[in-house]
């Protein structure tokens, strides 16, 4: 039974309606909205509350253009109004897997916040191959390991759809009827 449309919970509505947006309008994003997205990110859970995530915020079109050749998704980068490279701070880490999971939770919070504010965003992971080049471009130290870049802007297409596998295909064990 799929009752996502009948759910009135705003958090679940945001989760079920969020989509990866890869094409953005030319309009700028107010810094206050970017700040809200970042604030949502830092409220993600992290082991020992170590908060290992670090952010760069790139809004200058010329600097955004320097990211374009660093990924095969240059079209998305070129279209975005804000790039947020998200790093894990190796100096703040205490457990590699847990800290990488925490950064993933942080980025999901950011994507949900962007969606809730009417923005579009996408998590670019393929760009990881260019982590050292991005650190150099931004003048950052080796203690920062790139986890992804969040590309953000006002979505061109506001009606997006997606599908998911059924829970029955994904649950590998249960001792109750769901």
Foldseek 3Di string as FASTA:
>chain_A
DDDLVVDPDPVSVLVQQFDAFQAADPDADDPVLVVQLQVLLLPFDAVVSLSQKDKDKDQPLVLLQVCLVLAPSSSSSNRFRIKIFMWGQQVSDDDVVRSLVSNVRSVVSSSSSCVVVQKHKHWAARSQVCQVVVCVSVVHDPRIRTRTMIGMHRHPDPDDDDDDDDVVVVDPDDPDDD
